C-alpha atoms as a PDB file:
ATOM      1  CA  MET A   1      15.633 -28.225  30.146  1.00  0.00           C
ATOM      2  CA  ALA A   2      17.221 -27.357  26.785  1.00  0.00           C
ATOM      3  CA  ILE A   3      14.102 -28.479  24.893  1.00  0.00           C
ATOM      4  CA  SER A   4      11.810 -26.384  27.085  1.00  0.00           C
ATOM      5  CA  GLN A   5      14.046 -23.351  26.542  1.00  0.00           C
ATOM      6  CA  LEU A   6      13.969 -23.929  22.781  1.00  0.00           C
ATOM      7  CA  ILE A   7      10.169 -24.166  22.822  1.00  0.00           C
ATOM      8  CA  HIS A   8      10.040 -20.979  24.868  1.00  0.00           C
ATOM      9  CA  LEU A   9      12.285 -19.273  22.310  1.00  0.00           C
ATOM     10  CA  LEU A  10      10.238 -20.339  19.286  1.00  0.00           C
ATOM     11  CA  LYS A  11       6.840 -19.301  20.654  1.00  0.00           C
ATOM     12  CA  PRO A  12       7.145 -15.656  19.496  1.00  0.00           C
ATOM     13  CA  PHE A  13       7.982 -16.894  15.979  1.00  0.00           C
ATOM     14  CA  LYS A  14       4.868 -19.068  15.917  1.00  0.00           C
ATOM     15  CA  HIS A  15       2.744 -16.236  17.284  1.00  0.00           C
ATOM     16  CA  LEU A  16       3.887 -13.795  14.584  1.00  0.00           C
ATOM     17  CA  LEU A  17       3.617 -16.332  11.771  1.00  0.00           C
ATOM     18  CA  VAL A  18      -0.038 -16.855  12.620  1.00  0.00           C
ATOM     19  CA  ILE A  19      -0.600 -13.086  12.471  1.00  0.00           C
ATOM     20  CA  ILE A  20       1.224 -12.649   9.147  1.00  0.00           C
ATOM     21  CA  GLN A  21      -0.465 -15.562   7.402  1.00  0.00           C
ATOM     22  CA  LYS A  22      -3.740 -13.793   6.805  1.00  0.00           C
ATOM     23  CA  GLY A  23      -5.917 -15.100   4.026  1.00  0.00           C
ATOM     24  CA  LYS A  24      -8.208 -12.227   3.042  1.00  0.00           C
ATOM     25  CA  THR A  25      -6.329  -8.995   3.772  1.00  0.00           C
ATOM     26  CA  PRO A  26      -2.823  -7.762   2.829  1.00  0.00           C
ATOM     27  CA  SER A  27      -0.181  -8.483   5.436  1.00  0.00           C
ATOM     28  CA  LEU A  28       3.059  -7.383   3.757  1.00  0.00           C
ATOM     29  CA  HIS A  29       3.202  -4.344   6.058  1.00  0.00           C
ATOM     30  CA  LEU A  30       3.463  -6.690   9.049  1.00  0.00           C
ATOM     31  CA  ILE A  31       6.877  -8.027   7.973  1.00  0.00           C
ATOM     32  CA  THR A  32       8.752  -4.973   9.249  1.00  0.00           C
ATOM     33  CA  ILE A  33       6.708  -4.909  12.450  1.00  0.00           C
ATOM     34  CA  ALA A  34       7.374  -8.614  13.009  1.00  0.00           C
ATOM     35  CA  ILE A  35      11.131  -8.174  12.557  1.00  0.00           C
ATOM     36  CA  LEU A  36      11.293  -5.244  14.974  1.00  0.00           C
ATOM     37  CA  THR A  37       9.087  -7.083  17.465  1.00  0.00           C
ATOM     38  CA  LEU A  38      11.259 -10.200  17.382  1.00  0.00           C
ATOM     39  CA  ARG A  39      14.438  -8.184  17.774  1.00  0.00           C
ATOM     40  CA  ARG A  40      13.054  -6.525  20.867  1.00  0.00           C
ATOM     41  CA  ALA A  41      11.655  -9.794  22.236  1.00  0.00           C
ATOM     42  CA  LEU A  42      14.953 -11.638  21.807  1.00  0.00           C
ATOM     43  CA  GLU A  43      17.214  -8.996  23.314  1.00  0.00           C
ATOM     44  CA  SER A  44      17.432 -10.997  26.534  1.00  0.00           C
ATOM     45  CA  TYR A  45      15.750 -13.725  28.523  1.00  0.00           C
ATOM     46  CA  THR A  46      13.804 -11.140  30.507  1.00  0.00           C
ATOM     47  CA  SER A  47      12.405  -9.438  27.399  1.00  0.00           C
ATOM     48  CA  LEU A  48      11.418 -12.843  26.019  1.00  0.00           C
ATOM     49  CA  ILE A  49       9.463 -13.609  29.191  1.00  0.00           C
ATOM     50  CA  GLU A  50       7.760 -10.199  29.034  1.00  0.00           C
ATOM     51  CA  TYR A  51       6.771 -10.731  25.407  1.00  0.00           C
ATOM     52  CA  ASN A  52       5.137 -14.067  26.176  1.00  0.00           C
ATOM     53  CA  LYS A  53       3.253 -12.516  29.096  1.00  0.00           C
ATOM     54  CA  ASP A  54       2.090  -9.473  27.106  1.00  0.00           C
ATOM     55  CA  TYR A  55       0.575 -11.612  24.359  1.00  0.00           C
ATOM     56  CA  GLY A  56      -0.739 -14.350  26.623  1.00  0.00           C
ATOM     57  CA  ILE A  57       1.757 -17.001  25.481  1.00  0.00           C
ATOM     58  CA  ASN A  58       2.488 -19.714  28.037  1.00  0.00           C
ATOM     59  CA  SER A  59       5.913 -19.812  29.192  1.00  0.00           C
ATOM     60  CA  LEU A  60      17.917 -19.153  27.234  1.00  0.00           C
ATOM     61  CA  THR A  61      19.383 -17.968  30.057  1.00  0.00           C
ATOM     62  CA  GLU A  62      21.982 -16.171  27.896  1.00  0.00           C
ATOM     63  CA  ASP A  63      21.793 -12.767  26.282  1.00  0.00           C
ATOM     64  CA  LEU A  64      20.561 -13.137  22.710  1.00  0.00           C
ATOM     65  CA  SER A  65      21.479  -9.656  21.497  1.00  0.00           C
ATOM     66  CA  GLU A  66      24.908 -10.769  20.228  1.00  0.00           C
ATOM     67  CA  ASN A  67      23.321 -13.146  17.694  1.00  0.00           C
ATOM     68  CA  GLU A  68      20.429 -10.830  16.883  1.00  0.00           C
ATOM     69  CA  ASP A  69      21.676  -9.789  13.432  1.00  0.00           C
ATOM     70  CA  GLU A  70      22.208 -13.412  12.437  1.00  0.00           C
ATOM     71  CA  LEU A  71      18.589 -14.312  13.212  1.00  0.00           C
ATOM     72  CA  PHE A  72      16.993 -11.835  10.831  1.00  0.00           C
ATOM     73  CA  GLU A  73      17.567 -10.873   7.249  1.00  0.00           C
ATOM     74  CA  GLU A  74      17.942  -7.224   6.338  1.00  0.00           C
ATOM     75  CA  LYS A  75      14.616  -5.474   5.863  1.00  0.00           C
ATOM     76  CA  GLU A  76      13.783  -5.013   2.196  1.00  0.00           C
ATOM     77  CA  GLU A  77      12.633  -1.676   0.836  1.00  0.00           C
ATOM     78  CA  VAL A  78       9.265  -3.035  -0.231  1.00  0.00           C
ATOM     79  CA  HIS A  79       8.589  -4.264   3.322  1.00  0.00           C
ATOM     80  CA  LEU A  80       9.281  -0.812   4.744  1.00  0.00           C
ATOM     81  CA  ALA A  81       7.220   0.784   1.976  1.00  0.00           C
ATOM     82  CA  ALA A  82       4.293  -1.515   2.739  1.00  0.00           C
ATOM     83  CA  THR A  83       4.454  -0.420   6.365  1.00  0.00           C
ATOM     84  CA  LEU A  84       4.652   3.269   5.476  1.00  0.00           C
ATOM     85  CA  VAL A  85       1.640   3.192   3.152  1.00  0.00           C
ATOM     86  CA  HIS A  86      -0.436   1.659   5.937  1.00  0.00           C
ATOM     87  CA  PRO A  87      -2.009   4.703   7.651  1.00  0.00           C
ATOM     88  CA  ARG A  88      -1.650   3.089  11.059  1.00  0.00           C
ATOM     89  CA  TYR A  89       2.136   2.683  10.770  1.00  0.00           C
ATOM     90  CA  ARG A  90       3.051   5.453   8.293  1.00  0.00           C
ATOM     91  CA  LEU A  91       5.633   7.167  10.530  1.00  0.00           C
ATOM     92  CA  LEU A  92       7.695   3.948  10.804  1.00  0.00           C
ATOM     93  CA  LYS A  93       7.972   4.139  14.568  1.00  0.00           C
ATOM     94  CA  ARG A  94      11.014   2.338  16.030  1.00  0.00           C
ATOM     95  CA  CYS A  95      12.715   2.260  12.627  1.00  0.00           C
ATOM     96  CA  SER A  96      16.060   3.979  12.250  1.00  0.00           C
ATOM     97  CA  LEU A  97      16.282   7.399  10.616  1.00  0.00           C
ATOM     98  CA  TYR A  98      18.266   5.799   7.798  1.00  0.00           C
ATOM     99  CA  ASP A  99      15.488   3.280   7.127  1.00  0.00           C
ATOM    100  CA  VAL A 100      12.869   6.038   7.118  1.00  0.00           C
ATOM    101  CA  ARG A 101      14.804   8.142   4.614  1.00  0.00           C
ATOM    102  CA  GLU A 102      15.560   5.188   2.369  1.00  0.00           C
ATOM    103  CA  CYS A 103      11.924   4.128   2.452  1.00  0.00           C
ATOM    104  CA  GLN A 104      10.666   7.580   1.493  1.00  0.00           C
ATOM    105  CA  LEU A 105      13.233   7.758  -1.300  1.00  0.00           C
ATOM    106  CA  TYR A 106      12.108   4.350  -2.566  1.00  0.00           C
ATOM    107  CA  ILE A 107       8.464   5.452  -2.580  1.00  0.00           C
ATOM    108  CA  ARG A 108       9.294   8.666  -4.452  1.00  0.00           C
ATOM    109  CA  GLN A 109      11.206   6.663  -7.045  1.00  0.00           C
ATOM    110  CA  ARG A 110       8.283   4.291  -7.501  1.00  0.00           C
ATOM    111  CA  MET A 111       5.891   7.224  -7.831  1.00  0.00           C
ATOM    112  CA  ALA A 112       8.152   8.772 -10.461  1.00  0.00           C
ATOM    113  CA  GLN A 113       8.050   5.478 -12.373  1.00  0.00           C
ATOM    114  CA  ILE A 114       4.252   5.537 -12.304  1.00  0.00           C
ATOM    115  CA  LYS A 115       4.308   9.103 -13.598  1.00  0.00           C
ATOM    116  CA  SER A 116       6.689   8.115 -16.394  1.00  0.00           C
ATOM    117  CA  MET A 117       4.511   5.158 -17.379  1.00  0.00           C
ATOM    118  CA  LYS A 118       1.463   7.416 -17.582  1.00  0.00           C
ATOM    119  CA  LYS A 119       3.331   9.857 -19.799  1.00  0.00           C
ATOM    120  CA  ASN A 120       4.545   7.088 -22.096  1.00  0.00           C
ATOM    121  CA  LYS A 121       1.028   5.726 -22.389  1.00  0.00           C
ATOM    122  CA  SER A 122      -0.283   9.167 -23.247  1.00  0.00           C
ATOM    123  CA  LYS A 123       2.383   9.558 -25.912  1.00  0.00           C
ATOM    124  CA  SER A 124       1.652   6.160 -27.442  1.00  0.00           C
ATOM    125  CA  ASP A 125      -2.063   6.980 -27.612  1.00  0.00           C
ATOM    126  CA  THR A 126      -1.386  10.110 -29.664  1.00  0.00           C
ATOM    127  CA  SER A 127       1.549   8.838 -31.730  1.00  0.00           C
ATOM    128  CA  GLU A 128      -0.602   7.649 -34.639  1.00  0.00           C
ATOM    129  CA  GLU A 129      -2.503  10.924 -34.773  1.00  0.00           C
ATOM    130  CA  ARG A 130       0.701  12.927 -34.789  1.00  0.00           C
ATOM    131  CA  SER A 131       2.314  10.753 -37.451  1.00  0.00           C
ATOM    132  CA  SER A 132      -0.691  11.171 -39.731  1.00  0.00           C
ATOM    133  CA  MET A 133      -0.582  14.937 -39.270  1.00  0.00           C
ATOM    134  CA  VAL A 134       3.124  15.044 -40.106  1.00  0.00           C
ATOM    135  CA  ASN A 135       2.585  12.999 -43.268  1.00  0.00           C
ATOM    136  CA  ASN A 136      -0.074  15.435 -44.500  1.00  0.00           C
ATOM    137  CA  VAL A 137       2.022  18.549 -43.925  1.00  0.00           C
ATOM    138  CA  THR A 138       4.521  19.662 -46.574  1.00  0.00           C
ATOM    139  CA  LEU A 139       7.361  21.732 -45.247  1.00  0.00           C
ATOM    140  CA  ASP A 140       8.736  24.356 -47.606  1.00  0.00           C
ATOM    141  CA  GLU A 141      11.960  24.710 -45.680  1.00  0.00           C
ATOM    142  CA  PRO A 142      13.543  22.584 -42.952  1.00  0.00           C
ATOM    143  CA  VAL A 143      13.161  24.038 -39.493  1.00  0.00           C
ATOM    144  CA  LYS A 144      16.400  25.559 -38.328  1.00  0.00           C
ATOM    145  CA  LYS A 145      17.657  24.336 -34.983  1.00  0.00           C
ATOM    146  CA  LYS A 146      17.938  27.086 -32.420  1.00  0.00           C
ATOM    147  CA  SER A 147      21.531  27.718 -31.456  1.00  0.00           C
ATOM    148  CA  LYS A 148      22.403  27.012 -27.864  1.00  0.00           C
ATOM    149  CA  ARG A 149      23.320  29.970 -25.710  1.00  0.00           C
ATOM    150  CA  PHE A 150      26.670  29.849 -23.936  1.00  0.00           C
ATOM    151  CA  GLY A 151      26.212  28.916 -20.291  1.00  0.00           C
ATOM    152  CA  GLU A 152      22.611  27.770 -20.798  1.00  0.00           C
ATOM    153  CA  ASP A 153      23.237  24.532 -18.925  1.00  0.00           C
ATOM    154  CA  PHE A 154      24.241  26.493 -15.818  1.00  0.00           C
ATOM    155  CA  GLU A 155      21.282  28.865 -15.770  1.00  0.00           C
ATOM    156  CA  THR A 156      18.896  28.738 -12.825  1.00  0.00           C
ATOM    157  CA  ARG A 157      15.311  28.307 -13.963  1.00  0.00           C
ATOM    158  CA  ASN A 158      12.122  28.504 -11.929  1.00  0.00           C
ATOM    159  CA  LEU A 159      11.947  26.059  -9.049  1.00  0.00           C
ATOM    160  CA  SER A 160       8.821  24.486 -10.535  1.00  0.00           C
ATOM    161  CA  ASP A 161      10.765  23.813 -13.744  1.00  0.00           C
ATOM    162  CA  GLU A 162      13.767  22.308 -11.977  1.00  0.00           C
ATOM    163  CA  PHE A 163      11.863  19.957  -9.702  1.00  0.00           C
ATOM    164  CA  ASP A 164       8.486  18.296  -9.910  1.00  0.00           C
ATOM    165  CA  ASN A 165       7.115  18.557  -6.391  1.00  0.00           C
ATOM    166  CA  GLU A 166       3.647  17.269  -7.224  1.00  0.00           C
ATOM    167  CA  TYR A 167       4.307  13.729  -6.085  1.00  0.00           C
ATOM    168  CA  ASP A 168       6.558  14.707  -3.197  1.00  0.00           C
ATOM    169  CA  ASP A 169       3.712  16.899  -1.944  1.00  0.00           C
ATOM    170  CA  GLU A 170       1.370  13.932  -2.267  1.00  0.00           C
ATOM    171  CA  LEU A 171       3.601  11.865  -0.003  1.00  0.00           C
ATOM    172  CA  ASN A 172       4.148  14.721   2.449  1.00  0.00           C
ATOM    173  CA  LYS A 173       0.423  15.448   2.666  1.00  0.00           C
ATOM    174  CA  TYR A 174      -0.222  11.802   3.463  1.00  0.00           C
ATOM    175  CA  LEU A 175       2.429  11.760   6.194  1.00  0.00           C
ATOM    176  CA  GLU A 176       1.136  15.018   7.705  1.00  0.00           C
ATOM    177  CA  GLN A 177      -2.565  14.180   7.456  1.00  0.00           C
ATOM    178  CA  ARG A 178      -4.446  13.930  10.744  1.00  0.00           C
ATOM    179  CA  ILE A 179      -6.118  10.517  10.810  1.00  0.00           C
ATOM    180  CA  ASP A 180      -8.391   9.041  13.428  1.00  0.00           C
ATOM    181  CA  MET A 181      -6.633   5.790  14.276  1.00  0.00           C
ATOM    182  CA  GLU A 182      -9.820   4.268  15.638  1.00  0.00           C
ATOM    183  CA  SER A 183     -11.465   4.580  12.222  1.00  0.00           C
ATOM    184  CA  ILE A 184      -8.654   2.798  10.370  1.00  0.00           C
ATOM    185  CA  ASP A 185      -9.575  -0.643   9.095  1.00  0.00           C
ATOM    186  CA  ASP A 186      -7.125  -3.530   9.354  1.00  0.00           C
ATOM    187  CA  ASN A 187      -7.260  -3.784   5.572  1.00  0.00           C
ATOM    188  CA  PRO A 188      -5.220  -0.809   4.242  1.00  0.00           C
ATOM    189  CA  LEU A 189      -6.875  -1.079   0.828  1.00  0.00           C
ATOM    190  CA  THR A 190     -10.042   0.326   2.388  1.00  0.00           C
ATOM    191  CA  PHE A 191      -8.200   3.550   3.235  1.00  0.00           C
ATOM    192  CA  TRP A 192      -6.635   3.878  -0.198  1.00  0.00           C
ATOM    193  CA  TYR A 193      -9.946   3.306  -1.929  1.00  0.00           C
ATOM    194  CA  GLU A 194     -11.449   6.120   0.126  1.00  0.00           C
ATOM    195  CA  TYR A 195      -8.538   8.479  -0.640  1.00  0.00           C
ATOM    196  CA  ARG A 196      -7.910   7.378  -4.225  1.00  0.00           C
ATOM    197  CA  PHE A 197      -8.765  10.863  -5.538  1.00  0.00           C
ATOM    198  CA  ALA A 198      -6.822  12.761  -2.869  1.00  0.00           C
ATOM    199  CA  TYR A 199      -3.677  10.662  -3.480  1.00  0.00           C
ATOM    200  CA  PRO A 200      -4.043   9.222  -7.007  1.00  0.00           C
ATOM    201  CA  THR A 201      -0.419   8.215  -7.546  1.00  0.00           C
ATOM    202  CA  LEU A 202       0.289   7.099  -3.993  1.00  0.00           C
ATOM    203  CA  SER A 203      -2.911   5.051  -3.870  1.00  0.00           C
ATOM    204  CA  GLN A 204      -1.938   3.316  -7.106  1.00  0.00           C
ATOM    205  CA  LEU A 205       1.474   2.525  -5.645  1.00  0.00           C
ATOM    206  CA  ALA A 206      -0.093   1.223  -2.425  1.00  0.00           C
ATOM    207  CA  ARG A 207      -2.364  -1.138  -4.354  1.00  0.00           C
ATOM    208  CA  SER A 208       0.632  -2.365  -6.320  1.00  0.00           C
ATOM    209  CA  ILE A 209       2.655  -3.019  -3.163  1.00  0.00           C
ATOM    210  CA  TYR A 210      -0.161  -4.811  -1.362  1.00  0.00           C
ATOM    211  CA  SER A 211      -0.649  -7.131  -4.322  1.00  0.00           C
ATOM    212  CA  ILE A 212       2.548  -8.850  -3.124  1.00  0.00           C
ATOM    213  CA  PRO A 213       1.740 -11.623  -0.614  1.00  0.00           C
ATOM    214  CA  ALA A 214       3.723 -11.651   2.613  1.00  0.00           C
ATOM    215  CA  THR A 215       3.875 -15.449   2.474  1.00  0.00           C
ATOM    216  CA  ILE A 216       2.795 -18.172   0.067  1.00  0.00           C
ATOM    217  CA  ALA A 217       1.586 -20.409   2.888  1.00  0.00           C
ATOM    218  CA  ASN A 218      -2.049 -19.407   2.390  1.00  0.00           C
ATOM    219  CA  VAL A 219      -1.867 -20.036  -1.351  1.00  0.00           C
ATOM    220  CA  ALA A 220      -0.204 -23.400  -0.791  1.00  0.00           C
ATOM    221  CA  ARG A 221      -2.919 -24.421   1.654  1.00  0.00           C
ATOM    222  CA  GLN A 222      -5.653 -23.407  -0.781  1.00  0.00           C
ATOM    223  CA  PHE A 223      -4.105 -25.421  -3.605  1.00  0.00           C
ATOM    224  CA  SER A 224      -3.622 -28.386  -1.297  1.00  0.00           C
ATOM    225  CA  ALA A 225      -7.240 -28.230  -0.149  1.00  0.00           C
ATOM    226  CA  SER A 226      -8.443 -27.961  -3.754  1.00  0.00           C
ATOM    227  CA  ARG A 227      -6.343 -30.942  -4.784  1.00  0.00           C
ATOM    228  CA  MET A 228      -7.715 -33.050  -1.933  1.00  0.00           C
ATOM    229  CA  MET A 229     -11.288 -32.057  -2.770  1.00  0.00           C
ATOM    230  CA  ILE A 230     -10.867 -32.926  -6.455  1.00  0.00           C
ATOM    231  CA  SER A 231      -9.140 -36.207  -5.633  1.00  0.00           C
ATOM    232  CA  SER A 232     -11.892 -37.232  -3.219  1.00  0.00           C
ATOM    233  CA  ARG A 233     -14.595 -36.468  -5.764  1.00  0.00           C
ATOM    234  CA  ARG A 234     -12.725 -38.346  -8.459  1.00  0.00           C
ATOM    235  CA  THR A 235     -12.438 -41.473  -6.315  1.00  0.00           C
ATOM    236  CA  ARG A 236     -16.186 -41.405  -5.621  1.00  0.00           C
ATOM    237  CA  LEU A 237     -17.049 -41.433  -9.327  1.00  0.00           C
ATOM    238  CA  ASN A 238     -18.189 -44.679 -10.867  1.00  0.00           C
ATOM    239  CA  PRO A 239     -15.798 -45.933 -13.591  1.00  0.00           C
ATOM    240  CA  GLU A 240     -18.762 -46.216 -15.960  1.00  0.00           C
ATOM    241  CA  GLN A 241     -19.559 -42.520 -15.431  1.00  0.00           C
ATOM    242  CA  ILE A 242     -15.986 -41.607 -16.284  1.00  0.00           C
ATOM    243  CA  ASN A 243     -16.158 -43.662 -19.496  1.00  0.00           C
ATOM    244  CA  ASN A 244     -19.471 -42.044 -20.419  1.00  0.00           C
ATOM    245  CA  ALA A 245     -18.003 -38.587 -19.857  1.00  0.00           C
ATOM    246  CA  LYS A 246     -15.012 -39.425 -22.070  1.00  0.00           C
ATOM    247  CA  PHE A 247     -17.322 -40.763 -24.780  1.00  0.00           C
ATOM    248  CA  LEU A 248     -19.512 -37.635 -24.764  1.00  0.00           C
ATOM    249  CA  ARG A 249     -16.482 -35.389 -24.854  1.00  0.00           C
ATOM    250  CA  SER A 250     -14.992 -37.255 -27.837  1.00  0.00           C
ATOM    251  CA  LYS A 251     -18.301 -37.001 -29.728  1.00  0.00           C
ATOM    252  CA  LEU A 252     -18.438 -33.289 -28.944  1.00  0.00           C
ATOM    253  CA  TYR A 253     -15.036 -32.757 -30.561  1.00  0.00           C
ATOM    254  CA  VAL A 254     -16.151 -34.725 -33.645  1.00  0.00           C
ATOM    255  CA  CYS A 255     -19.233 -32.538 -34.057  1.00  0.00           C
ATOM    256  CA  ILE A 256     -17.124 -29.414 -33.770  1.00  0.00           C
END
């Protein structure tokens, strides 16, 4: 009985692992969804039964909600960000208000970093030109530094000077955009390629986030399959062919 209950408990984990371990499309955004789904599925024995029925999984008599926090690690910011930049899950439904705010703050910080990197690159591209111009100019008198006005640090400037809302607007426009959910592809990179000009900074950030694999299982399987293929081909080679290949390679190095 205990073994059957354990199998029943682990079936949702197996189901979600199969979904996350995609080979051709990004799946980092599914981490947050998987965590929230498992938390809801493991709230009680009844919810576990309902989950297995909803997803067609063949069928813990105790309440699992007390140990819920011990079963899952805390959601990382990049996982929430990956979910938000997927147009299908951008409002972070079922996430707490704290998680939503922290995620949006994280995205704005990353966008500011991209902006800073672009500015630094622009400066480095023109640094040589500026240095050459300075070397060719002879200053008759040193430029006097403008004296600072008392209370200048406390003055209120224009709102556009105090805050750069360009990238915040880019995020807000994305969150407020009306999108036909039926037209959204499972691969979020398709959306960001289409809107790369409408959201240049946010699309760059999305591509950067989705370059992170949700799991290394697919990569490990590919390397394992490659190793087996190479090993099988190597064993089928005639020893004389291997010696001939070594001989030709050594002669090639001598000629070079």
